[in-house]
Amino acid sequence: AKAKGESIDRLTMILEAYQKREFEEKWS
């Protein structure tokens, strides 16, 4: 999504979903 230039809201939604399962420094 980031490479395709999708919206910040879309990128945020994806990382929030990831962070609910894993809390990694890089992605946080």
mmCIF file of all heavy atoms, coordinates in Angstrom:
data_MODEL
# 
_entry.id   MODEL 
# 
loop_
_atom_site.group_PDB 
_atom_site.id 
_atom_site.type_symbol 
_atom_site.label_atom_id 
_atom_site.label_alt_id 
_atom_site.label_comp_id 
_atom_site.label_asym_id 
_atom_site.label_entity_id 
_atom_site.label_seq_id 
_atom_site.pdbx_PDB_ins_code 
_atom_site.Cartn_x 
_atom_site.Cartn_y 
_atom_site.Cartn_z 
_atom_site.occupancy 
_atom_site.B_iso_or_equiv 
_atom_site.pdbx_formal_charge 
_atom_site.auth_seq_id 
_atom_site.auth_comp_id 
_atom_site.auth_asym_id 
_atom_site.auth_atom_id 
_atom_site.pdbx_PDB_model_num 
ATOM 1   N N   . ALA A 1 1  ? 0.829  -1.210  0.000  1.00 0.00 ? 1  ALA A N   1 
ATOM 2   C CA  . ALA A 1 1  ? 0.000  0.000   0.000  1.00 0.00 ? 1  ALA A CA  1 
ATOM 3   C C   . ALA A 1 1  ? 0.865  1.264   0.000  1.00 0.00 ? 1  ALA A C   1 
ATOM 4   O O   . ALA A 1 1  ? 0.573  2.223   -0.715 1.00 0.00 ? 1  ALA A O   1 
ATOM 5   C CB  . ALA A 1 1  ? -0.931 -0.012  1.211  1.00 0.00 ? 1  ALA A CB  1 
ATOM 6   N N   . LYS A 1 2  ? 1.935  1.245   0.772  1.00 0.00 ? 2  LYS A N   1 
ATOM 7   C CA  . LYS A 1 2  ? 2.825  2.407   0.840  1.00 0.00 ? 2  LYS A CA  1 
ATOM 8   C C   . LYS A 1 2  ? 3.505  2.639   -0.513 1.00 0.00 ? 2  LYS A C   1 
ATOM 9   O O   . LYS A 1 2  ? 3.573  3.769   -0.998 1.00 0.00 ? 2  LYS A O   1 
ATOM 10  C CB  . LYS A 1 2  ? 3.876  2.201   1.932  1.00 0.00 ? 2  LYS A CB  1 
ATOM 11  C CG  . LYS A 1 2  ? 4.797  3.382   2.117  1.00 0.00 ? 2  LYS A CG  1 
ATOM 12  C CD  . LYS A 1 2  ? 5.786  3.136   3.244  1.00 0.00 ? 2  LYS A CD  1 
ATOM 13  C CE  . LYS A 1 2  ? 6.746  4.304   3.401  1.00 0.00 ? 2  LYS A CE  1 
ATOM 14  N NZ  . LYS A 1 2  ? 7.722  4.049   4.457  1.00 0.00 ? 2  LYS A NZ  1 
ATOM 15  N N   . ALA A 1 3  ? 3.983  1.568   -1.133 1.00 0.00 ? 3  ALA A N   1 
ATOM 16  C CA  . ALA A 1 3  ? 4.649  1.685   -2.430 1.00 0.00 ? 3  ALA A CA  1 
ATOM 17  C C   . ALA A 1 3  ? 3.673  2.149   -3.514 1.00 0.00 ? 3  ALA A C   1 
ATOM 18  O O   . ALA A 1 3  ? 4.074  2.849   -4.451 1.00 0.00 ? 3  ALA A O   1 
ATOM 19  C CB  . ALA A 1 3  ? 5.287  0.353   -2.816 1.00 0.00 ? 3  ALA A CB  1 
ATOM 20  N N   . LYS A 1 4  ? 2.410  1.795   -3.373 1.00 0.00 ? 4  LYS A N   1 
ATOM 21  C CA  . LYS A 1 4  ? 1.402  2.215   -4.346 1.00 0.00 ? 4  LYS A CA  1 
ATOM 22  C C   . LYS A 1 4  ? 0.950  3.651   -4.105 1.00 0.00 ? 4  LYS A C   1 
ATOM 23  O O   . LYS A 1 4  ? 0.218  4.211   -4.911 1.00 0.00 ? 4  LYS A O   1 
ATOM 24  C CB  . LYS A 1 4  ? 0.186  1.277   -4.285 1.00 0.00 ? 4  LYS A CB  1 
ATOM 25  C CG  . LYS A 1 4  ? 0.456  -0.087  -4.890 1.00 0.00 ? 4  LYS A CG  1 
ATOM 26  C CD  . LYS A 1 4  ? -0.663 -1.070  -4.623 1.00 0.00 ? 4  LYS A CD  1 
ATOM 27  C CE  . LYS A 1 4  ? -1.915 -0.791  -5.361 1.00 0.00 ? 4  LYS A CE  1 
ATOM 28  N NZ  . LYS A 1 4  ? -2.940 -1.846  -5.159 1.00 0.00 ? 4  LYS A NZ  1 
ATOM 29  N N   . GLY A 1 5  ? 1.366  4.231   -2.982 1.00 0.00 ? 5  GLY A N   1 
ATOM 30  C CA  . GLY A 1 5  ? 1.005  5.617   -2.679 1.00 0.00 ? 5  GLY A CA  1 
ATOM 31  C C   . GLY A 1 5  ? -0.409 5.778   -2.147 1.00 0.00 ? 5  GLY A C   1 
ATOM 32  O O   . GLY A 1 5  ? -1.043 6.819   -2.359 1.00 0.00 ? 5  GLY A O   1 
ATOM 33  N N   . GLU A 1 6  ? -0.878 4.766   -1.434 1.00 0.00 ? 6  GLU A N   1 
ATOM 34  C CA  . GLU A 1 6  ? -2.231 4.848   -0.880 1.00 0.00 ? 6  GLU A CA  1 
ATOM 35  C C   . GLU A 1 6  ? -2.291 5.894   0.234  1.00 0.00 ? 6  GLU A C   1 
ATOM 36  O O   . GLU A 1 6  ? -1.270 6.344   0.743  1.00 0.00 ? 6  GLU A O   1 
ATOM 37  C CB  . GLU A 1 6  ? -2.685 3.471   -0.399 1.00 0.00 ? 6  GLU A CB  1 
ATOM 38  C CG  . GLU A 1 6  ? -2.889 2.510   -1.558 1.00 0.00 ? 6  GLU A CG  1 
ATOM 39  C CD  . GLU A 1 6  ? -3.630 1.242   -1.193 1.00 0.00 ? 6  GLU A CD  1 
ATOM 40  O OE1 . GLU A 1 6  ? -4.291 1.209   -0.140 1.00 0.00 ? 6  GLU A OE1 1 
ATOM 41  O OE2 . GLU A 1 6  ? -3.543 0.286   -1.972 1.00 0.00 ? 6  GLU A OE2 1 
ATOM 42  N N   . SER A 1 7  ? -3.487 6.251   0.630  1.00 0.00 ? 7  SER A N   1 
ATOM 43  C CA  . SER A 1 7  ? -3.704 7.349   1.574  1.00 0.00 ? 7  SER A CA  1 
ATOM 44  C C   . SER A 1 7  ? -3.121 7.047   2.952  1.00 0.00 ? 7  SER A C   1 
ATOM 45  O O   . SER A 1 7  ? -2.965 5.884   3.349  1.00 0.00 ? 7  SER A O   1 
ATOM 46  C CB  . SER A 1 7  ? -5.200 7.626   1.714  1.00 0.00 ? 7  SER A CB  1 
ATOM 47  O OG  . SER A 1 7  ? -5.832 6.580   2.442  1.00 0.00 ? 7  SER A OG  1 
ATOM 48  N N   . ILE A 1 8  ? -2.843 8.109   3.683  1.00 0.00 ? 8  ILE A N   1 
ATOM 49  C CA  . ILE A 1 8  ? -2.331 7.979   5.049  1.00 0.00 ? 8  ILE A CA  1 
ATOM 50  C C   . ILE A 1 8  ? -3.344 7.237   5.914  1.00 0.00 ? 8  ILE A C   1 
ATOM 51  O O   . ILE A 1 8  ? -2.967 6.426   6.761  1.00 0.00 ? 8  ILE A O   1 
ATOM 52  C CB  . ILE A 1 8  ? -1.989 9.362   5.650  1.00 0.00 ? 8  ILE A CB  1 
ATOM 53  C CG1 . ILE A 1 8  ? -0.755 9.925   4.942  1.00 0.00 ? 8  ILE A CG1 1 
ATOM 54  C CG2 . ILE A 1 8  ? -1.756 9.276   7.150  1.00 0.00 ? 8  ILE A CG2 1 
ATOM 55  C CD1 . ILE A 1 8  ? -0.362 11.318  5.389  1.00 0.00 ? 8  ILE A CD1 1 
ATOM 56  N N   . ASP A 1 9  ? -4.626 7.492   5.697  1.00 0.00 ? 9  ASP A N   1 
ATOM 57  C CA  . ASP A 1 9  ? -5.664 6.807   6.478  1.00 0.00 ? 9  ASP A CA  1 
ATOM 58  C C   . ASP A 1 9  ? -5.612 5.299   6.257  1.00 0.00 ? 9  ASP A C   1 
ATOM 59  O O   . ASP A 1 9  ? -5.725 4.523   7.207  1.00 0.00 ? 9  ASP A O   1 
ATOM 60  C CB  . ASP A 1 9  ? -7.055 7.335   6.121  1.00 0.00 ? 9  ASP A CB  1 
ATOM 61  C CG  . ASP A 1 9  ? -7.288 8.749   6.628  1.00 0.00 ? 9  ASP A CG  1 
ATOM 62  O OD1 . ASP A 1 9  ? -6.592 9.171   7.582  1.00 0.00 ? 9  ASP A OD1 1 
ATOM 63  O OD2 . ASP A 1 9  ? -8.165 9.437   6.061  1.00 0.00 ? 9  ASP A OD2 1 
ATOM 64  N N   . ARG A 1 10 ? -5.424 4.881   5.012  1.00 0.00 ? 10 ARG A N   1 
ATOM 65  C CA  . ARG A 1 10 ? -5.339 3.446   4.693  1.00 0.00 ? 10 ARG A CA  1 
ATOM 66  C C   . ARG A 1 10 ? -4.104 2.829   5.335  1.00 0.00 ? 10 ARG A C   1 
ATOM 67  O O   . ARG A 1 10 ? -4.165 1.751   5.938  1.00 0.00 ? 10 ARG A O   1 
ATOM 68  C CB  . ARG A 1 10 ? -5.320 3.254   3.171  1.00 0.00 ? 10 ARG A CB  1 
ATOM 69  C CG  . ARG A 1 10 ? -5.034 1.846   2.715  1.00 0.00 ? 10 ARG A CG  1 
ATOM 70  C CD  . ARG A 1 10 ? -6.262 0.982   2.758  1.00 0.00 ? 10 ARG A CD  1 
ATOM 71  N NE  . ARG A 1 10 ? -5.943 -0.313  2.156  1.00 0.00 ? 10 ARG A NE  1 
ATOM 72  C CZ  . ARG A 1 10 ? -6.169 -1.465  2.742  1.00 0.00 ? 10 ARG A CZ  1 
ATOM 73  N NH1 . ARG A 1 10 ? -6.774 -1.516  3.906  1.00 0.00 ? 10 ARG A NH1 1 
ATOM 74  N NH2 . ARG A 1 10 ? -5.828 -2.594  2.165  1.00 0.00 ? 10 ARG A NH2 1 
ATOM 75  N N   . LEU A 1 11 ? -2.971 3.516   5.215  1.00 0.00 ? 11 LEU A N   1 
ATOM 76  C CA  . LEU A 1 11 ? -1.722 3.022   5.808  1.00 0.00 ? 11 LEU A CA  1 
ATOM 77  C C   . LEU A 1 11 ? -1.850 2.924   7.326  1.00 0.00 ? 11 LEU A C   1 
ATOM 78  O O   . LEU A 1 11 ? -1.409 1.943   7.936  1.00 0.00 ? 11 LEU A O   1 
ATOM 79  C CB  . LEU A 1 11 ? -0.558 3.936   5.430  1.00 0.00 ? 11 LEU A CB  1 
ATOM 80  C CG  . LEU A 1 11 ? -0.236 4.053   3.935  1.00 0.00 ? 11 LEU A CG  1 
ATOM 81  C CD1 . LEU A 1 11 ? 0.848  5.089   3.697  1.00 0.00 ? 11 LEU A CD1 1 
ATOM 82  C CD2 . LEU A 1 11 ? 0.151  2.706   3.346  1.00 0.00 ? 11 LEU A CD2 1 
ATOM 83  N N   . THR A 1 12 ? -2.462 3.938   7.915  1.00 0.00 ? 12 THR A N   1 
ATOM 84  C CA  . THR A 1 12 ? -2.666 3.958   9.366  1.00 0.00 ? 12 THR A CA  1 
ATOM 85  C C   . THR A 1 12 ? -3.532 2.780   9.804  1.00 0.00 ? 12 THR A C   1 
ATOM 86  O O   . THR A 1 12 ? -3.219 2.094   10.785 1.00 0.00 ? 12 THR A O   1 
ATOM 87  C CB  . THR A 1 12 ? -3.324 5.285   9.803  1.00 0.00 ? 12 THR A CB  1 
ATOM 88  O OG1 . THR A 1 12 ? -2.478 6.365   9.403  1.00 0.00 ? 12 THR A OG1 1 
ATOM 89  C CG2 . THR A 1 12 ? -3.542 5.343   11.296 1.00 0.00 ? 12 THR A CG2 1 
ATOM 90  N N   . MET A 1 13 ? -4.593 2.534   9.063  1.00 0.00 ? 13 MET A N   1 
ATOM 91  C CA  . MET A 1 13 ? -5.507 1.441   9.396  1.00 0.00 ? 13 MET A CA  1 
ATOM 92  C C   . MET A 1 13 ? -4.773 0.092   9.394  1.00 0.00 ? 13 MET A C   1 
ATOM 93  O O   . MET A 1 13 ? -4.962 -0.735  10.290 1.00 0.00 ? 13 MET A O   1 
ATOM 94  C CB  . MET A 1 13 ? -6.667 1.412   8.400  1.00 0.00 ? 13 MET A CB  1 
ATOM 95  C CG  . MET A 1 13 ? -7.729 0.385   8.694  1.00 0.00 ? 13 MET A CG  1 
ATOM 96  S SD  . MET A 1 13 ? -9.041 0.373   7.467  1.00 0.00 ? 13 MET A SD  1 
ATOM 97  C CE  . MET A 1 13 ? -8.206 -0.427  6.106  1.00 0.00 ? 13 MET A CE  1 
ATOM 98  N N   . ILE A 1 14 ? -3.923 -0.104  8.401  1.00 0.00 ? 14 ILE A N   1 
ATOM 99  C CA  . ILE A 1 14 ? -3.185 -1.370  8.297  1.00 0.00 ? 14 ILE A CA  1 
ATOM 100 C C   . ILE A 1 14 ? -2.246 -1.538  9.481  1.00 0.00 ? 14 ILE A C   1 
ATOM 101 O O   . ILE A 1 14 ? -2.204 -2.591  10.123 1.00 0.00 ? 14 ILE A O   1 
ATOM 102 C CB  . ILE A 1 14 ? -2.407 -1.448  6.965  1.00 0.00 ? 14 ILE A CB  1 
ATOM 103 C CG1 . ILE A 1 14 ? -3.376 -1.477  5.773  1.00 0.00 ? 14 ILE A CG1 1 
ATOM 104 C CG2 . ILE A 1 14 ? -1.499 -2.681  6.952  1.00 0.00 ? 14 ILE A CG2 1 
ATOM 105 C CD1 . ILE A 1 14 ? -2.695 -1.260  4.426  1.00 0.00 ? 14 ILE A CD1 1 
ATOM 106 N N   . LEU A 1 15 ? -1.469 -0.483  9.793  1.00 0.00 ? 15 LEU A N   1 
ATOM 107 C CA  . LEU A 1 15 ? -0.510 -0.591  10.909 1.00 0.00 ? 15 LEU A CA  1 
ATOM 108 C C   . LEU A 1 15 ? -1.205 -0.688  12.264 1.00 0.00 ? 15 LEU A C   1 
ATOM 109 O O   . LEU A 1 15 ? -0.690 -1.344  13.171 1.00 0.00 ? 15 LEU A O   1 
ATOM 110 C CB  . LEU A 1 15 ? 0.482  0.566   10.887 1.00 0.00 ? 15 LEU A CB  1 
ATOM 111 C CG  . LEU A 1 15 ? 1.580  0.475   9.844  1.00 0.00 ? 15 LEU A CG  1 
ATOM 112 C CD1 . LEU A 1 15 ? 2.577  1.622   9.997  1.00 0.00 ? 15 LEU A CD1 1 
ATOM 113 C CD2 . LEU A 1 15 ? 2.315  -0.860  9.909  1.00 0.00 ? 15 LEU A CD2 1 
ATOM 114 N N   . GLU A 1 16 ? -2.353 -0.056  12.410 1.00 0.00 ? 16 GLU A N   1 
ATOM 115 C CA  . GLU A 1 16 ? -3.098 -0.189  13.667 1.00 0.00 ? 16 GLU A CA  1 
ATOM 116 C C   . GLU A 1 16 ? -3.549 -1.640  13.853 1.00 0.00 ? 16 GLU A C   1 
ATOM 117 O O   . GLU A 1 16 ? -3.468 -2.181  14.973 1.00 0.00 ? 16 GLU A O   1 
ATOM 118 C CB  . GLU A 1 16 ? -4.310 0.748   13.670 1.00 0.00 ? 16 GLU A CB  1 
ATOM 119 C CG  . GLU A 1 16 ? -3.947 2.191   13.904 1.00 0.00 ? 16 GLU A CG  1 
ATOM 120 C CD  . GLU A 1 16 ? -5.133 3.140   13.762 1.00 0.00 ? 16 GLU A CD  1 
ATOM 121 O OE1 . GLU A 1 16 ? -6.165 2.771   13.138 1.00 0.00 ? 16 GLU A OE1 1 
ATOM 122 O OE2 . GLU A 1 16 ? -5.028 4.265   14.265 1.00 0.00 ? 16 GLU A OE2 1 
ATOM 123 N N   . ALA A 1 17 ? -3.999 -2.264  12.772 1.00 0.00 ? 17 ALA A N   1 
ATOM 124 C CA  . ALA A 1 17 ? -4.400 -3.678  12.846 1.00 0.00 ? 17 ALA A CA  1 
ATOM 125 C C   . ALA A 1 17 ? -3.200 -4.551  13.214 1.00 0.00 ? 17 ALA A C   1 
ATOM 126 O O   . ALA A 1 17 ? -3.318 -5.485  14.024 1.00 0.00 ? 17 ALA A O   1 
ATOM 127 C CB  . ALA A 1 17 ? -4.999 -4.129  11.521 1.00 0.00 ? 17 ALA A CB  1 
ATOM 128 N N   . TYR A 1 18 ? -2.044 -4.242  12.634 1.00 0.00 ? 18 TYR A N   1 
ATOM 129 C CA  . TYR A 1 18 ? -0.835 -5.002  12.959 1.00 0.00 ? 18 TYR A CA  1 
ATOM 130 C C   . TYR A 1 18 ? -0.450 -4.789  14.422 1.00 0.00 ? 18 TYR A C   1 
ATOM 131 O O   . TYR A 1 18 ? -0.103 -5.741  15.125 1.00 0.00 ? 18 TYR A O   1 
ATOM 132 C CB  . TYR A 1 18 ? 0.323  -4.593  12.037 1.00 0.00 ? 18 TYR A CB  1 
ATOM 133 C CG  . TYR A 1 18 ? 1.603  -5.313  12.351 1.00 0.00 ? 18 TYR A CG  1 
ATOM 134 C CD1 . TYR A 1 18 ? 1.755  -6.659  12.047 1.00 0.00 ? 18 TYR A CD1 1 
ATOM 135 C CD2 . TYR A 1 18 ? 2.658  -4.662  12.982 1.00 0.00 ? 18 TYR A CD2 1 
ATOM 136 C CE1 . TYR A 1 18 ? 2.921  -7.340  12.355 1.00 0.00 ? 18 TYR A CE1 1 
ATOM 137 C CE2 . TYR A 1 18 ? 3.832  -5.335  13.284 1.00 0.00 ? 18 TYR A CE2 1 
ATOM 138 C CZ  . TYR A 1 18 ? 3.956  -6.667  12.967 1.00 0.00 ? 18 TYR A CZ  1 
ATOM 139 O OH  . TYR A 1 18 ? 5.112  -7.339  13.281 1.00 0.00 ? 18 TYR A OH  1 
ATOM 140 N N   . GLN A 1 19 ? -0.513 -3.555  14.868 1.00 0.00 ? 19 GLN A N   1 
ATOM 141 C CA  . GLN A 1 19 ? -0.086 -3.245  16.232 1.00 0.00 ? 19 GLN A CA  1 
ATOM 142 C C   . GLN A 1 19 ? -0.983 -3.896  17.289 1.00 0.00 ? 19 GLN A C   1 
ATOM 143 O O   . GLN A 1 19 ? -0.533 -4.158  18.400 1.00 0.00 ? 19 GLN A O   1 
ATOM 144 C CB  . GLN A 1 19 ? -0.033 -1.741  16.449 1.00 0.00 ? 19 GLN A CB  1 
ATOM 145 C CG  . GLN A 1 19 ? 0.642  -1.380  17.752 1.00 0.00 ? 19 GLN A CG  1 
ATOM 146 C CD  . GLN A 1 19 ? 0.942  0.086   17.858 1.00 0.00 ? 19 GLN A CD  1 
ATOM 147 O OE1 . GLN A 1 19 ? 0.616  0.863   16.984 1.00 0.00 ? 19 GLN A OE1 1 
ATOM 148 N NE2 . GLN A 1 19 ? 1.556  0.468   18.945 1.00 0.00 ? 19 GLN A NE2 1 
ATOM 149 N N   . LYS A 1 20 ? -2.220 -4.179  16.948 1.00 0.00 ? 20 LYS A N   1 
ATOM 150 C CA  . LYS A 1 20 ? -3.099 -4.876  17.889 1.00 0.00 ? 20 LYS A CA  1 
ATOM 151 C C   . LYS A 1 20 ? -2.602 -6.297  18.153 1.00 0.00 ? 20 LYS A C   1 
ATOM 152 O O   . LYS A 1 20 ? -2.864 -6.862  19.198 1.00 0.00 ? 20 LYS A O   1 
ATOM 153 C CB  . LYS A 1 20 ? -4.532 -4.922  17.353 1.00 0.00 ? 20 LYS A CB  1 
ATOM 154 C CG  . LYS A 1 20 ? -5.244 -3.595  17.436 1.00 0.00 ? 20 LYS A CG  1 
ATOM 155 C CD  . LYS A 1 20 ? -6.641 -3.682  16.864 1.00 0.00 ? 20 LYS A CD  1 
ATOM 156 C CE  . LYS A 1 20 ? -7.293 -2.306  16.882 1.00 0.00 ? 20 LYS A CE  1 
ATOM 157 N NZ  . LYS A 1 20 ? -8.586 -2.301  16.199 1.00 0.00 ? 20 LYS A NZ  1 
ATOM 158 N N   . ARG A 1 21 ? -1.865 -6.861  17.167 1.00 0.00 ? 21 ARG A N   1 
ATOM 159 C CA  . ARG A 1 21 ? -1.371 -8.228  17.298 1.00 0.00 ? 21 ARG A CA  1 
ATOM 160 C C   . ARG A 1 21 ? 0.089  -8.291  17.718 1.00 0.00 ? 21 ARG A C   1 
ATOM 161 O O   . ARG A 1 21 ? 0.508  -9.214  18.393 1.00 0.00 ? 21 ARG A O   1 
ATOM 162 C CB  . ARG A 1 21 ? -1.571 -8.967  15.977 1.00 0.00 ? 21 ARG A CB  1 
ATOM 163 C CG  . ARG A 1 21 ? -3.050 -8.929  15.570 1.00 0.00 ? 21 ARG A CG  1 
ATOM 164 C CD  . ARG A 1 21 ? -3.289 -9.596  14.283 1.00 0.00 ? 21 ARG A CD  1 
ATOM 165 N NE  . ARG A 1 21 ? -3.776 -10.927 14.587 1.00 0.00 ? 21 ARG A NE  1 
ATOM 166 C CZ  . ARG A 1 21 ? -3.716 -11.927 13.760 1.00 0.00 ? 21 ARG A CZ  1 
ATOM 167 N NH1 . ARG A 1 21 ? -3.188 -11.772 12.579 1.00 0.00 ? 21 ARG A NH1 1 
ATOM 168 N NH2 . ARG A 1 21 ? -4.185 -13.097 14.096 1.00 0.00 ? 21 ARG A NH2 1 
ATOM 169 N N   . GLU A 1 22 ? 0.889  -7.328  17.250 1.00 0.00 ? 22 GLU A N   1 
ATOM 170 C CA  . GLU A 1 22 ? 2.330  -7.292  17.535 1.00 0.00 ? 22 GLU A CA  1 
ATOM 171 C C   . GLU A 1 22 ? 2.707  -5.850  17.862 1.00 0.00 ? 22 GLU A C   1 
ATOM 172 O O   . GLU A 1 22 ? 2.221  -4.933  17.214 1.00 0.00 ? 22 GLU A O   1 
ATOM 173 C CB  . GLU A 1 22 ? 3.141  -7.736  16.303 1.00 0.00 ? 22 GLU A CB  1 
ATOM 174 C CG  . GLU A 1 22 ? 2.873  -9.138  15.840 1.00 0.00 ? 22 GLU A CG  1 
ATOM 175 C CD  . GLU A 1 22 ? 3.503  -10.194 16.710 1.00 0.00 ? 22 GLU A CD  1 
ATOM 176 O OE1 . GLU A 1 22 ? 4.583  -9.936  17.268 1.00 0.00 ? 22 GLU A OE1 1 
ATOM 177 O OE2 . GLU A 1 22 ? 2.909  -11.280 16.833 1.00 0.00 ? 22 GLU A OE2 1 
ATOM 178 N N   . PHE A 1 23 ? 3.589  -5.683  18.810 1.00 0.00 ? 23 PHE A N   1 
ATOM 179 C CA  . PHE A 1 23 ? 4.064  -4.333  19.127 1.00 0.00 ? 23 PHE A CA  1 
ATOM 180 C C   . PHE A 1 23 ? 5.567  -4.305  18.887 1.00 0.00 ? 23 PHE A C   1 
ATOM 181 O O   . PHE A 1 23 ? 6.351  -4.693  19.751 1.00 0.00 ? 23 PHE A O   1 
ATOM 182 C CB  . PHE A 1 23 ? 3.739  -3.959  20.581 1.00 0.00 ? 23 PHE A CB  1 
ATOM 183 C CG  . PHE A 1 23 ? 3.945  -2.500  20.880 1.00 0.00 ? 23 PHE A CG  1 
ATOM 184 C CD1 . PHE A 1 23 ? 2.978  -1.571  20.544 1.00 0.00 ? 23 PHE A CD1 1 
ATOM 185 C CD2 . PHE A 1 23 ? 5.117  -2.066  21.473 1.00 0.00 ? 23 PHE A CD2 1 
ATOM 186 C CE1 . PHE A 1 23 ? 3.158  -0.217  20.815 1.00 0.00 ? 23 PHE A CE1 1 
ATOM 187 C CE2 . PHE A 1 23 ? 5.320  -0.714  21.743 1.00 0.00 ? 23 PHE A CE2 1 
ATOM 188 C CZ  . PHE A 1 23 ? 4.339  0.205   21.418 1.00 0.00 ? 23 PHE A CZ  1 
ATOM 189 N N   . GLU A 1 24 ? 5.944  -3.908  17.677 1.00 0.00 ? 24 GLU A N   1 
ATOM 190 C CA  . GLU A 1 24 ? 7.350  -3.842  17.301 1.00 0.00 ? 24 GLU A CA  1 
ATOM 191 C C   . GLU A 1 24 ? 7.753  -2.385  17.173 1.00 0.00 ? 24 GLU A C   1 
ATOM 192 O O   . GLU A 1 24 ? 7.001  -1.569  16.644 1.00 0.00 ? 24 GLU A O   1 
ATOM 193 C CB  . GLU A 1 24 ? 7.599  -4.554  15.982 1.00 0.00 ? 24 GLU A CB  1 
ATOM 194 C CG  . GLU A 1 24 ? 7.447  -6.047  16.057 1.00 0.00 ? 24 GLU A CG  1 
ATOM 195 C CD  . GLU A 1 24 ? 7.768  -6.709  14.730 1.00 0.00 ? 24 GLU A CD  1 
ATOM 196 O OE1 . GLU A 1 24 ? 8.651  -6.217  14.013 1.00 0.00 ? 24 GLU A OE1 1 
ATOM 197 O OE2 . GLU A 1 24 ? 7.114  -7.716  14.427 1.00 0.00 ? 24 GLU A OE2 1 
ATOM 198 N N   . GLU A 1 25 ? 8.962  -2.095  17.597 1.00 0.00 ? 25 GLU A N   1 
ATOM 199 C CA  . GLU A 1 25 ? 9.453  -0.722  17.596 1.00 0.00 ? 25 GLU A CA  1 
ATOM 200 C C   . GLU A 1 25 ? 9.386  -0.084  16.206 1.00 0.00 ? 25 GLU A C   1 
ATOM 201 O O   . GLU A 1 25 ? 8.900  1.037   16.048 1.00 0.00 ? 25 GLU A O   1 
ATOM 202 C CB  . GLU A 1 25 ? 10.884 -0.703  18.124 1.00 0.00 ? 25 GLU A CB  1 
ATOM 203 C CG  . GLU A 1 25 ? 11.471 0.674   18.277 1.00 0.00 ? 25 GLU A CG  1 
ATOM 204 C CD  . GLU A 1 25 ? 12.855 0.655   18.894 1.00 0.00 ? 25 GLU A CD  1 
ATOM 205 O OE1 . GLU A 1 25 ? 13.503 -0.406  18.915 1.00 0.00 ? 25 GLU A OE1 1 
ATOM 206 O OE2 . GLU A 1 25 ? 13.287 1.712   19.346 1.00 0.00 ? 25 GLU A OE2 1 
ATOM 207 N N   . LYS A 1 26 ? 9.874  -0.792  15.203 1.00 0.00 ? 26 LYS A N   1 
ATOM 208 C CA  . LYS A 1 26 ? 9.930  -0.233  13.846 1.00 0.00 ? 26 LYS A CA  1 
ATOM 209 C C   . LYS A 1 26 ? 8.548  0.183   13.351 1.00 0.00 ? 26 LYS A C   1 
ATOM 210 O O   . LYS A 1 26 ? 8.361  1.295   12.853 1.00 0.00 ? 26 LYS A O   1 
ATOM 211 C CB  . LYS A 1 26 ? 10.538 -1.262  12.885 1.00 0.00 ? 26 LYS A CB  1 
ATOM 212 C CG  . LYS A 1 26 ? 10.534 -0.815  11.442 1.00 0.00 ? 26 LYS A CG  1 
ATOM 213 C CD  . LYS A 1 26 ? 11.079 -1.874  10.516 1.00 0.00 ? 26 LYS A CD  1 
ATOM 214 C CE  . LYS A 1 26 ? 11.024 -1.369  9.073  1.00 0.00 ? 26 LYS A CE  1 
ATOM 215 N NZ  . LYS A 1 26 ? 11.594 -2.322  8.141  1.00 0.00 ? 26 LYS A NZ  1 
ATOM 216 N N   . TRP A 1 27 ? 7.577  -0.709  13.488 1.00 0.00 ? 27 TRP A N   1 
ATOM 217 C CA  . TRP A 1 27 ? 6.254  -0.427  12.943 1.00 0.00 ? 27 TRP A CA  1 
ATOM 218 C C   . TRP A 1 27 ? 5.471  0.529   13.830 1.00 0.00 ? 27 TRP A C   1 
ATOM 219 O O   . TRP A 1 27 ? 4.624  1.290   13.339 1.00 0.00 ? 27 TRP A O   1 
ATOM 220 C CB  . TRP A 1 27 ? 5.506  -1.726  12.676 1.00 0.00 ? 27 TRP A CB  1 
ATOM 221 C CG  . TRP A 1 27 ? 6.262  -2.548  11.686 1.00 0.00 ? 27 TRP A CG  1 
ATOM 222 C CD1 . TRP A 1 27 ? 6.892  -3.736  11.910 1.00 0.00 ? 27 TRP A CD1 1 
ATOM 223 C CD2 . TRP A 1 27 ? 6.558  -2.190  10.329 1.00 0.00 ? 27 TRP A CD2 1 
ATOM 224 N NE1 . TRP A 1 27 ? 7.541  -4.149  10.779 1.00 0.00 ? 27 TRP A NE1 1 
ATOM 225 C CE2 . TRP A 1 27 ? 7.359  -3.223  9.780  1.00 0.00 ? 27 TRP A CE2 1 
ATOM 226 C CE3 . TRP A 1 27 ? 6.227  -1.116  9.513  1.00 0.00 ? 27 TRP A CE3 1 
ATOM 227 C CZ2 . TRP A 1 27 ? 7.816  -3.198  8.475  1.00 0.00 ? 27 TRP A CZ2 1 
ATOM 228 C CZ3 . TRP A 1 27 ? 6.681  -1.097  8.215  1.00 0.00 ? 27 TRP A CZ3 1 
ATOM 229 C CH2 . TRP A 1 27 ? 7.470  -2.123  7.701  1.00 0.00 ? 27 TRP A CH2 1 
ATOM 230 N N   . SER A 1 28 ? 5.767  0.532   15.118 1.00 0.00 ? 28 SER A N   1 
ATOM 231 C CA  . SER A 1 28 ? 5.134  1.508   16.006 1.00 0.00 ? 28 SER A CA  1 
ATOM 232 C C   . SER A 1 28 ? 5.618  2.916   15.670 1.00 0.00 ? 28 SER A C   1 
ATOM 233 O O   . SER A 1 28 ? 4.837  3.867   15.627 1.00 0.00 ? 28 SER A O   1 
ATOM 234 C CB  . SER A 1 28 ? 5.449  1.184   17.471 1.00 0.00 ? 28 SER A CB  1 
ATOM 235 O OG  . SER A 1 28 ? 4.895  -0.059  17.813 1.00 0.00 ? 28 SER A OG  1 
# 
